[in-house]
Every structure is written in C-alpha cells, then in structure tokens.
Amino acid sequence: HYPDAEGILQPQEMAFDFSEPSPGAIFFETGAFSEGSIS
C-alpha cells in the first residue's frame, strides 16, 4: 500500500506461481534462505 498524492494508501498487487527455487536461491530447513545475484 503506497500513499498517493493526497497521502491515501493505495494497493499495488502482483502475483505469480513457481515450482522450484530460482538459480540464485538456496534454502535451509528452518525456511531461511537467500536469493540474489549469481554474479
């Protein structure tokens, strides 16, 4: 929710599906992870 010119919060939405981690991501058993630049 970003504020507009009058300071009123307006929603911005995004959505997608995925079925595997990205090439730049590694996960651990607690759910901790890092995802980012591979170079």
PDB file of all heavy atoms in Angstrom:
ATOM      1  N   HIS A   1       0.840  -1.195   0.000  1.00  0.00           N
ATOM      2  CA  HIS A   1       0.000   0.000   0.000  1.00  0.00           C
ATOM      3  C   HIS A   1       0.878   1.249   0.000  1.00  0.00           C
ATOM      4  O   HIS A   1       1.550   1.541   0.990  1.00  0.00           O
ATOM      5  CB  HIS A   1      -0.935  -0.001   1.209  1.00  0.00           C
ATOM      6  CG  HIS A   1      -1.975  -1.086   1.163  1.00  0.00           C
ATOM      7  ND1 HIS A   1      -1.707  -2.383   1.556  1.00  0.00           N
ATOM      8  CD2 HIS A   1      -3.275  -1.061   0.757  1.00  0.00           C
ATOM      9  CE1 HIS A   1      -2.799  -3.116   1.404  1.00  0.00           C
ATOM     10  NE2 HIS A   1      -3.755  -2.353   0.927  1.00  0.00           N
ATOM     11  N   TYR A   2       0.865   1.961  -1.136  1.00  0.00           N
ATOM     12  CA  TYR A   2       1.666   3.173  -1.297  1.00  0.00           C
ATOM     13  C   TYR A   2       0.774   4.405  -1.168  1.00  0.00           C
ATOM     14  O   TYR A   2      -0.366   4.405  -1.657  1.00  0.00           O
ATOM     15  CB  TYR A   2       2.348   3.188  -2.659  1.00  0.00           C
ATOM     16  CG  TYR A   2       3.419   2.147  -2.826  1.00  0.00           C
ATOM     17  CD1 TYR A   2       3.116   0.868  -3.308  1.00  0.00           C
ATOM     18  CD2 TYR A   2       4.743   2.428  -2.518  1.00  0.00           C
ATOM     19  CE1 TYR A   2       4.108  -0.088  -3.461  1.00  0.00           C
ATOM     20  CE2 TYR A   2       5.749   1.475  -2.677  1.00  0.00           C
ATOM     21  CZ  TYR A   2       5.415   0.217  -3.150  1.00  0.00           C
ATOM     22  OH  TYR A   2       6.397  -0.720  -3.302  1.00  0.00           O
ATOM     23  N   PRO A   3       1.249   5.473  -0.539  1.00  0.00           N
ATOM     24  CA  PRO A   3       0.441   6.695  -0.442  1.00  0.00           C
ATOM     25  C   PRO A   3       0.369   7.417  -1.786  1.00  0.00           C
ATOM     26  O   PRO A   3       1.368   7.515  -2.508  1.00  0.00           O
ATOM     27  CB  PRO A   3       1.201   7.529   0.600  1.00  0.00           C
ATOM     28  CG  PRO A   3       2.614   7.042   0.532  1.00  0.00           C
ATOM     29  CD  PRO A   3       2.537   5.591   0.181  1.00  0.00           C
ATOM     30  N   ASP A   4      -0.831   7.917  -2.119  1.00  0.00           N
ATOM     31  CA  ASP A   4      -0.966   8.715  -3.333  1.00  0.00           C
ATOM     32  C   ASP A   4      -0.623  10.175  -3.025  1.00  0.00           C
ATOM     33  O   ASP A   4      -0.107  10.486  -1.940  1.00  0.00           O
ATOM     34  CB  ASP A   4      -2.373   8.576  -3.933  1.00  0.00           C
ATOM     35  CG  ASP A   4      -3.479   9.044  -2.980  1.00  0.00           C
ATOM     36  OD1 ASP A   4      -3.187   9.782  -2.009  1.00  0.00           O
ATOM     37  OD2 ASP A   4      -4.647   8.680  -3.218  1.00  0.00           O
ATOM     38  N   ALA A   5      -0.913  11.075  -3.969  1.00  0.00           N
ATOM     39  CA  ALA A   5      -0.550  12.483  -3.805  1.00  0.00           C
ATOM     40  C   ALA A   5      -1.217  13.117  -2.597  1.00  0.00           C
ATOM     41  O   ALA A   5      -0.709  14.095  -2.033  1.00  0.00           O
ATOM     42  CB  ALA A   5      -0.901  13.255  -5.071  1.00  0.00           C
ATOM     43  N   GLU A   6      -2.351  12.555  -2.160  1.00  0.00           N
ATOM     44  CA  GLU A   6      -3.082  13.084  -1.013  1.00  0.00           C
ATOM     45  C   GLU A   6      -2.773  12.314   0.271  1.00  0.00           C
ATOM     46  O   GLU A   6      -3.399  12.557   1.303  1.00  0.00           O
ATOM     47  CB  GLU A   6      -4.585  13.064  -1.300  1.00  0.00           C
ATOM     48  CG  GLU A   6      -4.985  13.956  -2.482  1.00  0.00           C
ATOM     49  CD  GLU A   6      -6.470  13.882  -2.764  1.00  0.00           C
ATOM     50  OE1 GLU A   6      -7.147  13.007  -2.173  1.00  0.00           O
ATOM     51  OE2 GLU A   6      -6.943  14.694  -3.581  1.00  0.00           O
ATOM     52  N   GLY A   7      -1.834  11.391   0.182  1.00  0.00           N
ATOM     53  CA  GLY A   7      -1.453  10.633   1.365  1.00  0.00           C
ATOM     54  C   GLY A   7      -2.345   9.449   1.665  1.00  0.00           C
ATOM     55  O   GLY A   7      -2.197   8.814   2.718  1.00  0.00           O
ATOM     56  N   ILE A   8      -3.264   9.119   0.767  1.00  0.00           N
ATOM     57  CA  ILE A   8      -4.167   7.988   0.965  1.00  0.00           C
ATOM     58  C   ILE A   8      -3.508   6.729   0.418  1.00  0.00           C
ATOM     59  O   ILE A   8      -3.016   6.708  -0.716  1.00  0.00           O
ATOM     60  CB  ILE A   8      -5.514   8.238   0.261  1.00  0.00           C
ATOM     61  CG1 ILE A   8      -6.186   9.491   0.836  1.00  0.00           C
ATOM     62  CG2 ILE A   8      -6.437   7.024   0.416  1.00  0.00           C
ATOM     63  CD1 ILE A   8      -7.427   9.905   0.088  1.00  0.00           C
ATOM     64  N   LEU A   9      -3.474   5.676   1.221  1.00  0.00           N
ATOM     65  CA  LEU A   9      -2.817   4.448   0.806  1.00  0.00           C
ATOM     66  C   LEU A   9      -3.601   3.746  -0.300  1.00  0.00           C
ATOM     67  O   LEU A   9      -4.814   3.535  -0.188  1.00  0.00           O
ATOM     68  CB  LEU A   9      -2.658   3.505   2.002  1.00  0.00           C
ATOM     69  CG  LEU A   9      -1.705   3.970   3.118  1.00  0.00           C
ATOM     70  CD1 LEU A   9      -1.679   2.946   4.243  1.00  0.00           C
ATOM     71  CD2 LEU A   9      -0.299   4.208   2.579  1.00  0.00           C
ATOM     72  N   GLN A  10      -2.880   3.394  -1.360  1.00  0.00           N
ATOM     73  CA  GLN A  10      -3.477   2.698  -2.493  1.00  0.00           C
ATOM     74  C   GLN A  10      -2.756   1.375  -2.716  1.00  0.00           C
ATOM     75  O   GLN A  10      -1.520   1.317  -2.693  1.00  0.00           O
ATOM     76  CB  GLN A  10      -3.373   3.553  -3.762  1.00  0.00           C
ATOM     77  CG  GLN A  10      -4.028   4.918  -3.670  1.00  0.00           C
ATOM     78  CD  GLN A  10      -5.547   4.829  -3.576  1.00  0.00           C
ATOM     79  OE1 GLN A  10      -6.139   3.788  -3.914  1.00  0.00           O
ATOM     80  NE2 GLN A  10      -6.186   5.892  -3.104  1.00  0.00           N
ATOM     81  N   PRO A  11      -3.515   0.276  -2.919  1.00  0.00           N
ATOM     82  CA  PRO A  11      -2.868  -1.029  -3.068  1.00  0.00           C
ATOM     83  C   PRO A  11      -2.229  -1.207  -4.442  1.00  0.00           C
ATOM     84  O   PRO A  11      -2.764  -0.770  -5.459  1.00  0.00           O
ATOM     85  CB  PRO A  11      -4.030  -2.011  -2.887  1.00  0.00           C
ATOM     86  CG  PRO A  11      -5.237  -1.248  -3.326  1.00  0.00           C
ATOM     87  CD  PRO A  11      -4.987   0.178  -2.936  1.00  0.00           C
ATOM     88  N   GLN A  12      -1.074  -1.853  -4.448  1.00  0.00           N
ATOM     89  CA  GLN A  12      -0.439  -2.325  -5.678  1.00  0.00           C
ATOM     90  C   GLN A  12      -0.197  -3.818  -5.509  1.00  0.00           C
ATOM     91  O   GLN A  12       0.379  -4.240  -4.506  1.00  0.00           O
ATOM     92  CB  GLN A  12       0.869  -1.578  -5.953  1.00  0.00           C
ATOM     93  CG  GLN A  12       0.692  -0.118  -6.292  1.00  0.00           C
ATOM     94  CD  GLN A  12       1.993   0.534  -6.716  1.00  0.00           C
ATOM     95  OE1 GLN A  12       2.997  -0.146  -6.963  1.00  0.00           O
ATOM     96  NE2 GLN A  12       1.994   1.847  -6.808  1.00  0.00           N
ATOM     97  N   GLU A  13      -0.634  -4.586  -6.485  1.00  0.00           N
ATOM     98  CA  GLU A  13      -0.621  -6.036  -6.349  1.00  0.00           C
ATOM     99  C   GLU A  13       0.231  -6.699  -7.419  1.00  0.00           C
ATOM    100  O   GLU A  13       0.374  -6.181  -8.525  1.00  0.00           O
ATOM    101  CB  GLU A  13      -2.053  -6.583  -6.405  1.00  0.00           C
ATOM    102  CG  GLU A  13      -2.968  -6.034  -5.317  1.00  0.00           C
ATOM    103  CD  GLU A  13      -4.383  -6.555  -5.430  1.00  0.00           C
ATOM    104  OE1 GLU A  13      -4.700  -7.189  -6.457  1.00  0.00           O
ATOM    105  OE2 GLU A  13      -5.169  -6.335  -4.486  1.00  0.00           O
ATOM    106  N   MET A  14       0.796  -7.836  -7.049  1.00  0.00           N
ATOM    107  CA  MET A  14       1.488  -8.692  -8.003  1.00  0.00           C
ATOM    108  C   MET A  14       1.266 -10.135  -7.587  1.00  0.00           C
ATOM    109  O   MET A  14       1.015 -10.429  -6.411  1.00  0.00           O
ATOM    110  CB  MET A  14       2.986  -8.382  -8.047  1.00  0.00           C
ATOM    111  CG  MET A  14       3.725  -8.606  -6.730  1.00  0.00           C
ATOM    112  SD  MET A  14       5.519  -8.399  -6.840  1.00  0.00           S
ATOM    113  CE  MET A  14       5.965  -9.824  -7.823  1.00  0.00           C
ATOM    114  N   ALA A  15       1.316 -11.059  -8.554  1.00  0.00           N
ATOM    115  CA  ALA A  15       1.116 -12.475  -8.243  1.00  0.00           C
ATOM    116  C   ALA A  15       1.784 -13.330  -9.316  1.00  0.00           C
ATOM    117  O   ALA A  15       1.864 -12.931 -10.485  1.00  0.00           O
ATOM    118  CB  ALA A  15      -0.374 -12.806  -8.157  1.00  0.00           C
ATOM    119  N   PHE A  16       2.265 -14.496  -8.903  1.00  0.00           N
ATOM    120  CA  PHE A  16       2.826 -15.458  -9.854  1.00  0.00           C
ATOM    121  C   PHE A  16       2.921 -16.810  -9.175  1.00  0.00           C
ATOM    122  O   PHE A  16       2.857 -16.920  -7.942  1.00  0.00           O
ATOM    123  CB  PHE A  16       4.200 -15.007 -10.377  1.00  0.00           C
ATOM    124  CG  PHE A  16       5.242 -14.801  -9.311  1.00  0.00           C
ATOM    125  CD1 PHE A  16       6.049 -15.850  -8.873  1.00  0.00           C
ATOM    126  CD2 PHE A  16       5.428 -13.547  -8.737  1.00  0.00           C
ATOM    127  CE1 PHE A  16       7.010 -15.660  -7.898  1.00  0.00           C
ATOM    128  CE2 PHE A  16       6.396 -13.344  -7.763  1.00  0.00           C
ATOM    129  CZ  PHE A  16       7.187 -14.413  -7.344  1.00  0.00           C
ATOM    130  N   ASP A  17       3.106 -17.860  -9.976  1.00  0.00           N
ATOM    131  CA  ASP A  17       3.296 -19.216  -9.474  1.00  0.00           C
ATOM    132  C   ASP A  17       4.741 -19.647  -9.733  1.00  0.00           C
ATOM    133  O   ASP A  17       5.368 -19.222 -10.708  1.00  0.00           O
ATOM    134  CB  ASP A  17       2.357 -20.192 -10.178  1.00  0.00           C
ATOM    135  CG  ASP A  17       0.903 -19.994  -9.783  1.00  0.00           C
ATOM    136  OD1 ASP A  17       0.622 -19.098  -8.956  1.00  0.00           O
ATOM    137  OD2 ASP A  17       0.041 -20.714 -10.315  1.00  0.00           O
ATOM    138  N   PHE A  18       5.280 -20.493  -8.854  1.00  0.00           N
ATOM    139  CA  PHE A  18       6.592 -21.078  -9.095  1.00  0.00           C
ATOM    140  C   PHE A  18       6.634 -22.474  -8.499  1.00  0.00           C
ATOM    141  O   PHE A  18       5.888 -22.790  -7.563  1.00  0.00           O
ATOM    142  CB  PHE A  18       7.714 -20.194  -8.538  1.00  0.00           C
ATOM    143  CG  PHE A  18       7.723 -20.044  -7.033  1.00  0.00           C
ATOM    144  CD1 PHE A  18       8.577 -20.812  -6.248  1.00  0.00           C
ATOM    145  CD2 PHE A  18       6.892 -19.122  -6.397  1.00  0.00           C
ATOM    146  CE1 PHE A  18       8.603 -20.669  -4.864  1.00  0.00           C
ATOM    147  CE2 PHE A  18       6.912 -18.973  -5.017  1.00  0.00           C
ATOM    148  CZ  PHE A  18       7.768 -19.753  -4.253  1.00  0.00           C
ATOM    149  N   SER A  19       7.503 -23.320  -9.052  1.00  0.00           N
ATOM    150  CA  SER A  19       7.566 -24.720  -8.619  1.00  0.00           C
ATOM    151  C   SER A  19       8.981 -25.171  -8.292  1.00  0.00           C
ATOM    152  O   SER A  19       9.216 -26.365  -8.078  1.00  0.00           O
ATOM    153  CB  SER A  19       6.975 -25.630  -9.705  1.00  0.00           C
ATOM    154  OG  SER A  19       7.654 -25.443 -10.931  1.00  0.00           O
ATOM    155  N   GLU A  20       9.934 -24.225  -8.236  1.00  0.00           N
ATOM    156  CA  GLU A  20      11.294 -24.536  -7.819  1.00  0.00           C
ATOM    157  C   GLU A  20      11.983 -23.238  -7.432  1.00  0.00           C
ATOM    158  O   GLU A  20      11.581 -22.157  -7.876  1.00  0.00           O
ATOM    159  CB  GLU A  20      12.067 -25.236  -8.937  1.00  0.00           C
ATOM    160  CG  GLU A  20      12.193 -24.419 -10.205  1.00  0.00           C
ATOM    161  CD  GLU A  20      12.910 -25.176 -11.305  1.00  0.00           C
ATOM    162  OE1 GLU A  20      13.268 -26.351 -11.082  1.00  0.00           O
ATOM    163  OE2 GLU A  20      13.106 -24.604 -12.383  1.00  0.00           O
ATOM    164  N   PRO A  21      13.019 -23.295  -6.607  1.00  0.00           N
ATOM    165  CA  PRO A  21      13.750 -22.081  -6.269  1.00  0.00           C
ATOM    166  C   PRO A  21      14.433 -21.509  -7.510  1.00  0.00           C
ATOM    167  O   PRO A  21      14.734 -22.226  -8.464  1.00  0.00           O
ATOM    168  CB  PRO A  21      14.788 -22.559  -5.241  1.00  0.00           C
ATOM    169  CG  PRO A  21      14.297 -23.880  -4.765  1.00  0.00           C
ATOM    170  CD  PRO A  21      13.540 -24.477  -5.904  1.00  0.00           C
ATOM    171  N   SER A  22      14.685 -20.216  -7.500  1.00  0.00           N
ATOM    172  CA  SER A  22      15.395 -19.595  -8.605  1.00  0.00           C
ATOM    173  C   SER A  22      16.863 -20.024  -8.587  1.00  0.00           C
ATOM    174  O   SER A  22      17.376 -20.495  -7.555  1.00  0.00           O
ATOM    175  CB  SER A  22      15.308 -18.070  -8.502  1.00  0.00           C
ATOM    176  OG  SER A  22      16.190 -17.593  -7.502  1.00  0.00           O
ATOM    177  N   PRO A  23      17.598 -19.873  -9.698  1.00  0.00           N
ATOM    178  CA  PRO A  23      19.016 -20.263  -9.715  1.00  0.00           C
ATOM    179  C   PRO A  23      19.868 -19.507  -8.705  1.00  0.00           C
ATOM    180  O   PRO A  23      20.933 -19.986  -8.308  1.00  0.00           O
ATOM    181  CB  PRO A  23      19.443 -19.938 -11.158  1.00  0.00           C
ATOM    182  CG  PRO A  23      18.187 -19.951 -11.949  1.00  0.00           C
ATOM    183  CD  PRO A  23      17.126 -19.447 -11.032  1.00  0.00           C
ATOM    184  N   GLY A  24      19.402 -18.330  -8.270  1.00  0.00           N
ATOM    185  CA  GLY A  24      20.172 -17.541  -7.315  1.00  0.00           C
ATOM    186  C   GLY A  24      19.784 -17.758  -5.871  1.00  0.00           C
ATOM    187  O   GLY A  24      20.190 -16.974  -5.004  1.00  0.00           O
ATOM    188  N   ALA A  25      18.998 -18.825  -5.597  1.00  0.00           N
ATOM    189  CA  ALA A  25      18.467 -19.036  -4.243  1.00  0.00           C
ATOM    190  C   ALA A  25      18.943 -20.355  -3.652  1.00  0.00           C
ATOM    191  O   ALA A  25      19.093 -21.351  -4.351  1.00  0.00           O
ATOM    192  CB  ALA A  25      16.945 -19.000  -4.257  1.00  0.00           C
ATOM    193  N   ILE A  26      19.154 -20.347  -2.340  1.00  0.00           N
ATOM    194  CA  ILE A  26      19.378 -21.562  -1.552  1.00  0.00           C
ATOM    195  C   ILE A  26      18.559 -21.434  -0.275  1.00  0.00           C
ATOM    196  O   ILE A  26      18.509 -20.355   0.336  1.00  0.00           O
ATOM    197  CB  ILE A  26      20.870 -21.764  -1.216  1.00  0.00           C
ATOM    198  CG1 ILE A  26      21.659 -22.148  -2.470  1.00  0.00           C
ATOM    199  CG2 ILE A  26      21.046 -22.835  -0.145  1.00  0.00           C
ATOM    200  CD1 ILE A  26      23.164 -22.307  -2.229  1.00  0.00           C
ATOM    201  N   PHE A  27      17.915 -22.539   0.129  1.00  0.00           N
ATOM    202  CA  PHE A  27      17.073 -22.576   1.315  1.00  0.00           C
ATOM    203  C   PHE A  27      17.650 -23.537   2.343  1.00  0.00           C
ATOM    204  O   PHE A  27      18.388 -24.467   2.007  1.00  0.00           O
ATOM    205  CB  PHE A  27      15.653 -23.041   0.947  1.00  0.00           C
ATOM    206  CG  PHE A  27      14.821 -21.992   0.249  1.00  0.00           C
ATOM    207  CD1 PHE A  27      15.084 -21.632  -1.065  1.00  0.00           C
ATOM    208  CD2 PHE A  27      13.779 -21.363   0.910  1.00  0.00           C
ATOM    209  CE1 PHE A  27      14.328 -20.673  -1.714  1.00  0.00           C
ATOM    210  CE2 PHE A  27      13.009 -20.405   0.270  1.00  0.00           C
ATOM    211  CZ  PHE A  27      13.288 -20.058  -1.038  1.00  0.00           C
ATOM    212  N   PHE A  28      17.250 -23.300   3.615  1.00  0.00           N
ATOM    213  CA  PHE A  28      17.656 -24.168   4.719  1.00  0.00           C
ATOM    214  C   PHE A  28      16.414 -24.719   5.403  1.00  0.00           C
ATOM    215  O   PHE A  28      15.288 -24.289   5.135  1.00  0.00           O
ATOM    216  CB  PHE A  28      18.543 -23.406   5.698  1.00  0.00           C
ATOM    217  CG  PHE A  28      19.870 -23.017   5.097  1.00  0.00           C
ATOM    218  CD1 PHE A  28      20.025 -21.795   4.450  1.00  0.00           C
ATOM    219  CD2 PHE A  28      20.954 -23.881   5.154  1.00  0.00           C
ATOM    220  CE1 PHE A  28      21.237 -21.441   3.878  1.00  0.00           C
ATOM    221  CE2 PHE A  28      22.170 -23.542   4.591  1.00  0.00           C
ATOM    222  CZ  PHE A  28      22.312 -22.323   3.944  1.00  0.00           C
ATOM    223  N   GLU A  29      16.612 -25.673   6.311  1.00  0.00           N
ATOM    224  CA  GLU A  29      15.490 -26.452   6.846  1.00  0.00           C
ATOM    225  C   GLU A  29      14.517 -25.625   7.675  1.00  0.00           C
ATOM    226  O   GLU A  29      13.359 -25.992   7.826  1.00  0.00           O
ATOM    227  CB  GLU A  29      16.016 -27.651   7.647  1.00  0.00           C
ATOM    228  CG  GLU A  29      16.774 -28.638   6.775  1.00  0.00           C
ATOM    229  CD  GLU A  29      16.848 -30.019   7.388  1.00  0.00           C
ATOM    230  OE1 GLU A  29      16.269 -30.235   8.464  1.00  0.00           O
ATOM    231  OE2 GLU A  29      17.490 -30.895   6.782  1.00  0.00           O
ATOM    232  N   THR A  30      14.955 -24.505   8.259  1.00  0.00           N
ATOM    233  CA  THR A  30      14.044 -23.642   9.016  1.00  0.00           C
ATOM    234  C   THR A  30      13.152 -22.814   8.109  1.00  0.00           C
ATOM    235  O   THR A  30      12.220 -22.162   8.579  1.00  0.00           O
ATOM    236  CB  THR A  30      14.836 -22.680   9.907  1.00  0.00           C
ATOM    237  OG1 THR A  30      15.625 -21.813   9.066  1.00  0.00           O
ATOM    238  CG2 THR A  30      15.735 -23.422  10.872  1.00  0.00           C
ATOM    239  N   GLY A  31      13.448 -22.785   6.808  1.00  0.00           N
ATOM    240  CA  GLY A  31      12.790 -21.868   5.878  1.00  0.00           C
ATOM    241  C   GLY A  31      13.643 -20.662   5.553  1.00  0.00           C
ATOM    242  O   GLY A  31      13.306 -19.878   4.664  1.00  0.00           O
ATOM    243  N   ALA A  32      14.759 -20.482   6.272  1.00  0.00           N
ATOM    244  CA  ALA A  32      15.672 -19.378   5.966  1.00  0.00           C
ATOM    245  C   ALA A  32      16.231 -19.555   4.559  1.00  0.00           C
ATOM    246  O   ALA A  32      16.430 -20.672   4.088  1.00  0.00           O
ATOM    247  CB  ALA A  32      16.815 -19.335   6.978  1.00  0.00           C
ATOM    248  N   PHE A  33      16.495 -18.422   3.896  1.00  0.00           N
ATOM    249  CA  PHE A  33      17.032 -18.505   2.535  1.00  0.00           C
ATOM    250  C   PHE A  33      17.706 -17.198   2.148  1.00  0.00           C
ATOM    251  O   PHE A  33      17.572 -16.171   2.812  1.00  0.00           O
ATOM    252  CB  PHE A  33      15.928 -18.827   1.518  1.00  0.00           C
ATOM    253  CG  PHE A  33      14.908 -17.729   1.308  1.00  0.00           C
ATOM    254  CD1 PHE A  33      15.099 -16.745   0.343  1.00  0.00           C
ATOM    255  CD2 PHE A  33      13.738 -17.684   2.064  1.00  0.00           C
ATOM    256  CE1 PHE A  33      14.154 -15.748   0.136  1.00  0.00           C
ATOM    257  CE2 PHE A  33      12.789 -16.688   1.865  1.00  0.00           C
ATOM    258  CZ  PHE A  33      12.997 -15.720   0.905  1.00  0.00           C
ATOM    259  N   SER A  34      18.432 -17.264   1.052  1.00  0.00           N
ATOM    260  CA  SER A  34      18.934 -16.066   0.390  1.00  0.00           C
ATOM    261  C   SER A  34      18.747 -16.245  -1.107  1.00  0.00           C
ATOM    262  O   SER A  34      18.993 -17.339  -1.642  1.00  0.00           O
ATOM    263  CB  SER A  34      20.402 -15.807   0.711  1.00  0.00           C
ATOM    264  OG  SER A  34      20.883 -14.678  -0.002  1.00  0.00           O
ATOM    265  N   GLU A  35      18.327 -15.169  -1.759  1.00  0.00           N
ATOM    266  CA  GLU A  35      18.119 -15.177  -3.211  1.00  0.00           C
ATOM    267  C   GLU A  35      18.695 -13.889  -3.770  1.00  0.00           C
ATOM    268  O   GLU A  35      18.447 -12.808  -3.232  1.00  0.00           O
ATOM    269  CB  GLU A  35      16.629 -15.268  -3.533  1.00  0.00           C
ATOM    270  CG  GLU A  35      16.319 -15.248  -5.013  1.00  0.00           C
ATOM    271  CD  GLU A  35      14.835 -15.432  -5.295  1.00  0.00           C
ATOM    272  OE1 GLU A  35      14.035 -15.286  -4.349  1.00  0.00           O
ATOM    273  OE2 GLU A  35      14.488 -15.715  -6.447  1.00  0.00           O
ATOM    274  N   GLY A  36      19.485 -13.986  -4.822  1.00  0.00           N
ATOM    275  CA  GLY A  36      20.070 -12.766  -5.360  1.00  0.00           C
ATOM    276  C   GLY A  36      20.957 -13.003  -6.548  1.00  0.00           C
ATOM    277  O   GLY A  36      20.862 -14.027  -7.234  1.00  0.00           O
ATOM    278  N   SER A  37      21.859 -12.051  -6.763  1.00  0.00           N
ATOM    279  CA  SER A  37      22.757 -12.093  -7.916  1.00  0.00           C
ATOM    280  C   SER A  37      23.638 -13.332  -7.859  1.00  0.00           C
ATOM    281  O   SER A  37      24.201 -13.659  -6.814  1.00  0.00           O
ATOM    282  CB  SER A  37      23.636 -10.848  -7.932  1.00  0.00           C
ATOM    283  OG  SER A  37      22.858  -9.661  -7.886  1.00  0.00           O
ATOM    284  N   ILE A  38      23.782 -14.021  -9.004  1.00  0.00           N
ATOM    285  CA  ILE A  38      24.697 -15.161  -9.066  1.00  0.00           C
ATOM    286  C   ILE A  38      26.093 -14.700  -9.478  1.00  0.00           C
ATOM    287  O   ILE A  38      27.063 -15.440  -9.340  1.00  0.00           O
ATOM    288  CB  ILE A  38      24.181 -16.263 -10.009  1.00  0.00           C
ATOM    289  CG1 ILE A  38      24.003 -15.731 -11.431  1.00  0.00           C
ATOM    290  CG2 ILE A  38      22.875 -16.830  -9.487  1.00  0.00           C
ATOM    291  CD1 ILE A  38      23.638 -16.819 -12.436  1.00  0.00           C
ATOM    292  N   SER A  39      26.186 -13.466  -9.984  1.00  0.00           N
ATOM    293  CA  SER A  39      27.496 -12.877 -10.264  1.00  0.00           C
ATOM    294  C   SER A  39      27.366 -11.367 -10.201  1.00  0.00           C
ATOM    295  O   SER A  39      26.288 -10.819 -10.436  1.00  0.00           O
ATOM    296  CB  SER A  39      28.024 -13.307 -11.640  1.00  0.00           C
ATOM    297  OG  SER A  39      27.175 -12.842 -12.670  1.00  0.00           O
TER     298      SER A  39
END
